[in-house]
Protein backbone atom coordinates (compact mmCIF):
# COMPACT_ATOMS: atom_id res chain seq x y z
CA UNK A 1 13.10 22.88 -6.24
CA UNK A 2 12.26 19.17 -6.53
CA UNK A 3 9.62 17.42 -4.41
CA UNK A 4 10.15 14.23 -2.40
CA UNK A 5 6.87 12.43 -1.76
CA UNK A 6 6.58 9.47 0.61
CA UNK A 7 3.94 6.83 1.03
CA UNK A 8 3.32 6.21 4.73
CA UNK A 9 2.69 2.59 5.69
CA UNK A 10 5.71 0.37 5.16
CA UNK A 11 7.77 3.38 4.01
CA UNK A 12 8.05 5.73 6.98
CA UNK A 13 7.76 2.85 9.44
CA UNK A 14 6.96 -0.88 9.41
CA UNK A 15 3.36 -0.16 10.30
CA UNK A 16 1.38 -2.96 8.72
CA UNK A 17 2.25 -6.01 10.83
CA UNK A 18 2.96 -4.19 14.09
CA UNK A 19 0.39 -1.40 13.85
CA UNK A 20 -2.49 -1.82 11.47
CA UNK A 21 -2.97 -5.57 11.90
CA UNK A 22 -3.27 -5.52 15.70
CA UNK A 23 -5.39 -2.36 15.50
CA UNK A 24 -7.83 -4.03 13.09
CA UNK A 25 -8.02 -7.13 15.25
CA UNK A 26 -8.55 -5.17 18.47
CA UNK A 27 -11.29 -3.15 16.80
CA UNK A 28 -13.05 -6.28 15.57
CA UNK A 29 -12.96 -7.59 19.13
CA UNK A 30 -14.24 -4.29 20.56
CA UNK A 31 -17.26 -4.44 18.25
CA UNK A 32 -17.86 -8.19 18.67
CA UNK A 33 -17.08 -8.85 15.03
CA UNK A 34 -16.05 -12.54 14.78
CA UNK A 35 -12.95 -11.91 12.67
CA UNK A 36 -9.27 -12.02 13.64
CA UNK A 37 -6.82 -11.77 10.76
CA UNK A 38 -3.65 -13.83 10.83
CA UNK A 39 -0.42 -12.42 9.41
CA UNK A 40 -0.95 -14.58 6.30
CA UNK A 41 -4.53 -13.37 5.85
CA UNK A 42 -3.50 -9.75 6.34
CA UNK A 43 -0.81 -10.13 3.70
CA UNK A 44 -3.70 -10.46 1.24
CA UNK A 45 -5.73 -7.64 2.80
CA UNK A 46 -2.88 -5.12 2.36
CA UNK A 47 -3.43 -5.44 -1.37
CA UNK A 48 -6.71 -3.56 -0.82
CA UNK A 49 -6.14 0.20 -0.72
CA UNK A 50 -7.65 1.88 2.34
CA UNK A 51 -8.58 0.72 5.83
CA UNK A 52 -12.32 1.14 5.44
CA UNK A 53 -12.15 -0.84 2.22
CA UNK A 54 -10.29 -3.65 4.00
CA UNK A 55 -12.95 -3.72 6.70
CA UNK A 56 -15.73 -3.77 4.13
CA UNK A 57 -14.14 -6.83 2.52
CA UNK A 58 -15.13 -9.01 5.51
CA UNK A 59 -18.82 -8.18 5.28
CA UNK A 60 -20.34 -11.11 3.48
CA UNK A 61 -24.15 -11.11 3.40
CA UNK A 62 -24.18 -13.74 6.17
CA UNK A 63 -21.88 -11.75 8.45
CA UNK A 64 -23.79 -8.53 7.84
CA UNK A 65 -26.99 -10.31 8.82
CA UNK A 66 -25.33 -11.81 11.92
CA UNK A 67 -24.22 -8.32 12.99
CA UNK A 68 -27.69 -6.85 12.38
CA UNK A 69 -26.59 -4.66 9.49
CA UNK A 70 -29.74 -4.72 7.40
CA UNK A 71 -28.90 -2.33 4.57
CA UNK A 72 -26.08 -0.37 2.97
CA UNK A 73 -26.70 2.63 5.23
CA UNK A 74 -26.21 0.45 8.31
CA UNK A 75 -23.07 -1.09 6.82
CA UNK A 76 -21.64 2.35 5.99
CA UNK A 77 -22.32 3.58 9.53
CA UNK A 78 -20.71 0.49 11.05
CA UNK A 79 -17.61 0.82 8.87
CA UNK A 80 -17.20 4.46 9.89
CA UNK A 81 -17.50 3.60 13.58
CA UNK A 82 -15.08 0.69 13.29
CA UNK A 83 -12.58 2.76 11.37
CA UNK A 84 -12.72 5.64 13.85
CA UNK A 85 -11.96 3.22 16.70
CA UNK A 86 -9.25 1.48 14.69
CA UNK A 87 -7.53 4.82 14.04
CA UNK A 88 -7.55 5.58 17.78
CA UNK A 89 -5.99 2.19 18.58
CA UNK A 90 -3.42 2.59 15.83
CA UNK A 91 -2.37 6.07 16.97
CA UNK A 92 -1.84 4.68 20.44
CA UNK A 93 0.45 1.99 19.04
CA UNK A 94 2.42 4.59 17.09
CA UNK A 95 2.86 6.77 20.16
CA UNK A 96 3.99 3.77 22.23
CA UNK A 97 7.04 3.43 19.99
CA UNK A 98 6.43 -0.15 18.85
CA UNK A 99 7.01 0.87 15.21
CA UNK A 100 10.40 2.56 14.78
CA UNK A 101 11.11 4.56 11.63
CA UNK A 102 12.52 2.56 8.77
CA UNK A 103 16.27 2.94 8.14
CA UNK A 104 17.26 6.14 6.38
CA UNK A 105 13.95 7.98 6.64
CA UNK A 106 14.98 10.69 9.11
CA UNK A 107 18.35 11.01 7.36
CA UNK A 108 16.98 11.54 3.84
CA UNK A 109 14.26 13.89 5.10
CA UNK A 110 16.88 16.03 6.86
CA UNK A 111 19.03 16.07 3.69
CA UNK A 112 16.07 17.08 1.54
CA UNK A 113 14.86 19.72 3.99
CA UNK A 114 18.33 21.26 4.25
CA UNK A 115 18.53 21.40 0.43
CA UNK A 116 15.18 23.17 0.18
CA UNK A 117 13.23 20.30 -1.38
CA UNK A 118 9.45 20.20 -1.04
CA UNK A 119 8.34 17.37 1.27
CA UNK A 120 5.02 15.52 1.26
CA UNK A 121 3.26 12.30 2.21
CA UNK A 122 0.61 10.76 -0.08
CA UNK A 123 -1.23 7.85 1.54
CA UNK A 124 -4.54 6.02 1.51
CA UNK A 125 -4.50 5.81 5.33
CA UNK A 126 -6.48 8.18 7.55
CA UNK A 127 -4.82 11.57 7.96
CA UNK A 128 -4.55 11.48 11.80
CA UNK A 129 -2.78 8.13 11.58
CA UNK A 130 -0.44 9.37 8.84
CA UNK A 131 0.50 12.48 10.82
CA UNK A 132 1.16 10.37 13.91
CA UNK A 133 3.53 8.06 11.99
CA UNK A 134 5.23 10.98 10.26
CA UNK A 135 5.89 12.84 13.51
CA UNK A 136 7.15 9.69 15.20
CA UNK A 137 9.45 8.90 12.26
CA UNK A 138 11.08 12.31 11.68
CA UNK A 139 10.26 14.42 14.73
CA UNK A 140 8.06 17.48 15.22
CA UNK A 141 10.41 19.97 13.56
CA UNK A 142 10.84 18.09 10.28
CA UNK A 143 7.21 16.93 10.22
CA UNK A 144 6.14 20.58 10.21
CA UNK A 145 7.73 20.97 6.75
CA UNK A 146 5.49 18.30 5.18
CA UNK A 147 2.27 18.58 3.22
CA UNK A 148 0.04 15.58 3.91
CA UNK A 149 -2.44 14.14 1.41
CA UNK A 150 -4.27 11.22 2.98
CA UNK A 151 -7.45 9.23 3.42
CA UNK A 152 -10.58 10.09 1.48
CA UNK A 153 -9.33 13.27 -0.22
CA UNK A 154 -9.58 11.56 -3.62
CA UNK A 155 -12.35 9.35 -5.03
CA UNK A 156 -10.13 6.42 -6.07
CA UNK A 157 -7.33 5.03 -3.93
CA UNK A 158 -4.09 3.37 -5.00
CA UNK A 159 -3.35 1.79 -7.47
CA UNK A 160 -5.26 4.68 -9.07
CA UNK A 161 -2.95 7.70 -9.48
CA UNK A 162 -5.43 10.18 -7.95
CA UNK A 163 -3.58 10.84 -4.68
CA UNK A 164 -0.33 11.59 -6.52
CA UNK A 165 -2.03 13.77 -9.11
CA UNK A 166 -3.64 15.73 -6.28
CA UNK A 167 -0.28 16.10 -4.53
CA UNK A 168 1.38 17.41 -7.69
CA UNK A 169 -1.42 19.91 -8.23
CA UNK A 170 -1.47 21.16 -4.65
CA UNK A 171 2.32 21.32 -4.37
CA UNK A 172 2.57 23.15 -7.66
CA UNK A 173 5.23 20.85 -9.11
CA UNK A 174 5.39 18.88 -12.33
CA UNK A 175 5.86 15.12 -12.56
CA UNK A 176 9.38 15.83 -13.87
CA UNK A 177 10.30 17.56 -10.61
CA UNK A 178 9.00 14.96 -8.15
CA UNK A 179 10.20 11.56 -6.95
CA UNK A 180 8.25 9.09 -4.81
CA UNK A 181 9.26 6.53 -2.19
CA UNK A 182 6.85 3.57 -2.09
CA UNK A 183 6.90 0.03 -0.72
CA UNK A 184 4.16 -1.85 -2.58
CA UNK A 185 3.12 -2.83 -6.08
CA UNK A 186 -0.14 -0.89 -5.72
CA UNK A 187 1.70 2.21 -4.61
CA UNK A 188 4.24 1.90 -7.40
CA UNK A 189 1.49 1.54 -10.01
CA UNK A 190 -0.23 4.66 -8.65
CA UNK A 191 2.99 6.69 -8.84
CA UNK A 192 3.96 5.39 -12.28
CA UNK A 193 0.47 6.14 -13.61
CA UNK A 194 1.00 9.72 -12.43
CA UNK A 195 4.25 9.83 -14.42
CA UNK A 196 6.50 9.81 -11.35
CA UNK A 197 9.91 8.28 -10.90
CA UNK A 198 9.71 5.94 -7.93
CA UNK A 199 12.10 4.38 -5.45
CA UNK A 200 10.71 1.24 -3.81
CA UNK A 201 11.85 0.25 -0.31
CA UNK A 202 10.38 -3.22 0.07
CA UNK A 203 8.69 -4.27 3.30
CA UNK A 204 7.99 -7.67 4.77
CA UNK A 205 4.60 -7.90 3.08
CA UNK A 206 5.74 -6.67 -0.34
CA UNK A 207 9.21 -8.05 -1.10
CA UNK A 208 7.93 -10.56 -3.68
CA UNK A 209 5.63 -8.14 -5.53
CA UNK A 210 6.13 -6.94 -9.11
CA UNK A 211 8.02 -3.65 -9.18
CA UNK A 212 8.29 -3.21 -12.92
CA UNK A 213 8.54 0.49 -13.67
CA UNK A 214 10.45 1.44 -10.52
CA UNK A 215 13.56 3.58 -10.97
CA UNK A 216 15.25 1.78 -8.07
CA UNK A 217 14.28 -1.06 -5.70
CA UNK A 218 16.13 -1.42 -2.39
CA UNK A 219 15.66 -3.18 0.93
CA UNK A 220 15.63 0.21 2.69
CA UNK A 221 17.12 3.67 2.26
CA UNK A 222 19.96 2.54 4.50
CA UNK A 223 22.07 4.11 7.23
CA UNK A 224 25.77 4.89 7.03
CA UNK A 225 26.25 3.63 10.59
CA UNK A 226 23.56 0.95 10.60
CA UNK A 227 21.51 -1.20 8.22
CA UNK A 228 22.84 -0.88 4.68
CA UNK A 229 20.62 -0.66 1.63
CA UNK A 230 20.52 -3.87 -0.41
CA UNK A 231 19.95 -3.09 -4.09
CA UNK A 232 17.28 -5.40 -5.54
CA UNK A 233 16.75 -3.71 -8.92
CA UNK A 234 18.67 -0.80 -10.42
CA UNK A 235 17.68 -0.30 -14.07
CA UNK A 236 19.57 3.03 -14.41
CA UNK A 237 22.70 1.97 -12.56
CA UNK A 238 22.29 4.63 -9.89
CA UNK A 239 25.05 4.97 -7.33
CA UNK A 240 23.89 3.41 -4.05
CA UNK A 241 26.92 3.20 -1.73
CA UNK A 242 25.03 1.29 0.97
CA UNK A 243 22.63 4.20 1.36
CA UNK A 244 20.18 6.05 -0.88
CA UNK A 245 21.26 9.69 -0.72
CA UNK A 246 19.77 12.93 -1.99
CA UNK A 247 22.34 12.76 -4.78
CA UNK A 248 20.92 9.34 -5.72
CA UNK A 249 17.43 10.82 -5.95
CA UNK A 250 18.65 13.80 -7.96
CA UNK A 251 20.34 11.40 -10.38
CA UNK A 252 17.11 9.42 -10.79
CA UNK A 253 15.17 12.61 -11.49
CA UNK A 254 17.40 13.04 -14.52
CA UNK A 255 16.56 9.60 -15.87
CA UNK A 256 13.71 8.68 -18.26
CA UNK A 257 10.25 8.91 -16.77
CA UNK A 258 8.06 5.80 -16.38
CA UNK A 259 6.89 4.49 -19.73
CA UNK A 260 10.07 5.63 -21.46
CA UNK A 261 9.13 9.30 -21.86
CA UNK A 262 12.11 11.42 -21.01
CA UNK A 263 10.61 14.36 -19.14
CA UNK A 264 13.64 14.85 -16.94
CA UNK A 265 13.93 18.25 -15.27
CA UNK A 266 16.54 20.82 -16.16
CA UNK A 267 17.70 23.91 -14.34
CA UNK A 268 15.44 25.98 -16.59
CA UNK A 269 12.27 24.15 -15.59
CA UNK A 270 12.79 23.69 -11.87
CA UNK A 271 10.48 25.74 -9.71
CA UNK A 272 11.76 27.75 -6.76
């Protein structure tokens, strides 16, 4: 059966502005780091894959000296301590319910689960944080059906394709049998480089990014009795009747793969 693979941040929930940003800023305050990112500044930081990498980006030689971090070993240790605390703060924000699931997530996951699709999350965020968001977004029962690939399980983070290539290998599916839901240009490039058809659900930080190569770009997956999906780019003319359905995804799996190579699945090549 096909696989449906989600990114986490900005896809399962609107986590960046209401979760990661305040968690970073609280952590900087807890460790007396004289940095507080504004929304505008963080909009640039989200282009860096990985939380530890975003933290490392603030450490100019002058700031490292001010914080008493005298060598790379000290910097690495500080980053690990900061990131551990930041993950704790972030998980608390998730559990408080300040970041509701994005429209259509629980619906499409239930549809895919009922149809026997393989479900996974592939994210550069720390695994405990990803699992917290996933459980909050879809509930304990559906979350139990997911494989989670997250954090430092691959050497290169998005936009490198490593996390998606690992997911395909571990799930035992081909690129022709998997479709991804992403929200950012970096995530899209990672998925496309892995040969995967990709639906983009734009978020507040990513709406103006370049989504060339996406199979479909929408404002969200949409709800039949709530927020409707606005179609922003639809190169294959997929049917999106206000919501992205499992039938929509199945249709896109039959379309040409990224780069123009038609490796669409057939009933003879689908795995059970």
